[in-house]
Each structure stands twice: as C-alpha cells, then as structure tokens.
Protein backbone atom coordinates (compact mmCIF):
# COMPACT_ATOMS: atom_id res chain seq x y z
CA MET A 1 7.73 9.54 23.99
CA ILE A 2 10.24 12.30 22.13
CA TRP A 3 13.78 9.83 22.26
CA LEU A 4 10.77 7.48 20.45
CA ILE A 5 9.53 10.28 17.18
CA ALA A 6 13.55 10.75 17.35
CA ILE A 7 14.26 7.01 16.67
CA VAL A 8 11.70 6.84 14.30
CA LEU A 9 12.05 10.06 12.18
CA ASN A 10 15.51 9.02 11.92
CA ASP A 11 14.63 5.28 10.61
CA SER A 12 12.83 6.90 8.12
CA LYS A 13 15.51 8.32 6.07
CA ASN A 14 17.62 4.09 6.47
CA LEU A 15 14.08 2.95 5.48
CA HIS A 16 13.90 4.91 2.29
CA HIS A 17 17.75 4.37 0.67
CA SER A 18 17.26 1.01 2.19
CA ALA A 19 14.02 0.98 -0.12
CA ALA A 20 16.00 2.23 -3.35
CA GLY A 21 19.05 0.04 -2.82
CA LYS A 22 17.42 -2.96 -2.30
CA LYS A 23 16.13 -3.35 -6.30
CA ASN A 24 18.96 -4.08 -9.02
CA SER A 25 17.79 -3.77 -12.28
CA LYS A 26 20.44 -5.81 -13.98
CA THR A 27 19.70 -8.65 -11.95
CA CYS A 28 15.58 -8.56 -11.39
CA ASN A 29 14.34 -9.75 -14.90
CA SER A 30 10.59 -9.76 -14.45
CA ILE A 31 8.83 -7.87 -11.38
CA VAL A 32 8.59 -10.86 -9.58
CA GLY A 33 12.67 -11.12 -8.82
CA VAL A 34 12.21 -7.67 -7.57
CA ALA A 35 8.99 -9.50 -5.16
CA GLN A 36 11.38 -11.71 -4.04
CA LYS A 37 14.39 -9.50 -3.12
CA MET A 38 12.49 -6.57 -1.91
CA ASN A 39 9.57 -8.94 0.21
CA PRO A 40 11.79 -9.69 3.41
CA SER A 41 12.69 -6.11 3.97
CA ILE A 42 9.06 -4.99 3.46
CA ARG A 43 8.17 -7.72 5.89
CA GLY A 44 10.52 -7.00 8.50
CA TRP A 45 9.92 -3.10 8.26
CA VAL A 46 6.24 -3.53 8.98
CA ASN A 47 6.82 -6.26 11.36
CA TYR A 48 8.44 -3.17 13.20
CA TYR A 49 7.03 -0.32 13.06
CA ARG A 50 3.24 -2.24 13.17
CA HIS A 51 4.77 -1.86 17.01
CA PHE A 52 4.71 2.30 17.10
CA ASN A 53 4.60 4.71 13.50
CA ILE A 54 3.00 2.22 10.79
CA TRP A 55 1.85 5.30 9.49
CA LYS A 56 5.15 5.78 8.64
CA LEU A 57 5.80 3.24 6.46
CA HIS A 58 2.96 5.31 4.02
CA LYS A 59 5.96 7.75 2.92
CA VAL A 60 8.14 4.55 1.66
CA PHE A 61 5.46 2.37 0.18
CA ARG A 62 5.02 5.25 -2.15
CA LEU A 63 8.34 5.97 -2.72
CA LEU A 64 8.76 1.78 -3.60
CA HIS A 65 6.04 2.17 -6.03
CA LYS A 66 7.71 5.56 -7.56
CA ARG A 67 10.95 3.11 -7.47
CA LEU A 68 8.89 0.32 -9.42
CA VAL A 69 7.09 2.72 -11.77
CA ARG A 70 10.95 3.63 -12.41
CA TRP A 71 11.87 0.70 -13.08
CA ALA A 72 9.04 -0.89 -15.17
CA ARG A 73 9.67 2.40 -17.50
CA ARG A 74 13.27 1.42 -18.39
CA LYS A 75 13.14 -2.65 -18.30
CA TYR A 76 9.58 -2.07 -21.12
CA LYS A 77 10.08 0.28 -24.21
CA ARG A 78 6.75 1.15 -23.63
CA TYR A 79 6.51 2.73 -20.78
CA LYS A 80 9.27 4.57 -21.83
CA ASN A 81 7.93 7.63 -22.32
CA SER A 82 4.52 7.41 -20.43
CA LEU A 83 4.77 7.66 -16.84
CA ARG A 84 0.44 7.59 -16.90
CA LYS A 85 0.43 3.73 -18.41
CA ALA A 86 3.67 2.76 -16.46
CA TYR A 87 1.45 3.59 -12.96
CA LYS A 88 -1.53 1.78 -14.77
CA TRP A 89 1.06 -1.37 -15.49
CA LEU A 90 1.67 -1.56 -11.87
CA LYS A 91 -1.96 -1.63 -10.93
CA THR A 92 -3.27 -4.07 -13.05
CA VAL A 93 0.12 -5.98 -11.86
CA ARG A 94 -1.71 -5.22 -8.66
CA LYS A 95 -5.06 -6.57 -9.39
CA GLN A 96 -3.31 -9.50 -10.91
CA ILE A 97 -0.70 -10.50 -8.71
CA PRO A 98 -2.28 -9.24 -4.85
CA TYR A 99 0.31 -10.98 -3.01
CA LEU A 100 2.96 -10.44 -5.04
CA PHE A 101 4.48 -7.49 -2.37
CA TYR A 102 3.85 -8.02 1.62
CA HIS A 103 2.71 -4.77 1.80
CA TRP A 104 0.11 -5.60 -0.89
CA GLU A 105 -1.06 -8.22 0.97
CA LEU A 106 -2.16 -5.77 3.84
CA GLY A 107 -4.07 -2.84 1.82
CA PHE A 108 -1.67 -0.61 1.41
CA SER A 109 -2.35 0.18 -1.85
CA ILE A 110 -0.85 2.78 -4.95
C-alpha cells in the first residue's frame, strides 16, 4: 500500500504539469476549443483515478479552474482587472453548458 501512495503522489505532480501544458491560448479561440483539447486528458485522469484515489483529482481540477480563469482574463478585456468577474463568468459557463468539461458532468464544481 505504501508504494501505491508514493505513485499517486508522484502522479499528481505530473497531472499538474499536463494540466498546465495542454491549454494553449493561441490555438483556442473559445472555451469550447479549450474543452475539446482538455476533455480527453480529463476523461483519462478520471478513469484511472476512480479505481484508486479520486479525491486526489480535486486539487488538479482546482488548478484547472484557475488556469481557465487566467485564460479568460487574457482573452477578454472585461475580466483583465477583476478576478471575481472571471470566476463568475466561469460559473456562468458551467451553468449554461454543464457538459462542456467532463469533470463538470461528474459534479466536480468550481
């Protein structure tokens, strides 16, 4: 069991790096493009970690939400100076399109 914990801790670092690297603001013109790019990875993470420690994904999804807010702040001028408005926008997107990201379908909230 100890080796499993060590593997999971090591994998969580890799998940953080891959969550950071997948999204590219130059190629994704909309949140839908970001979702299309990220959903295969998110689905793979969930399918793997549901057998071991799905709670480990909460940190990863929290980081993903931060990165999405950062993307929105760079993309849209109206959110550039307001972190609160950017988070509100992301929550609005989640309410309007709850199936956009795979982890939103499963109930991992913002």
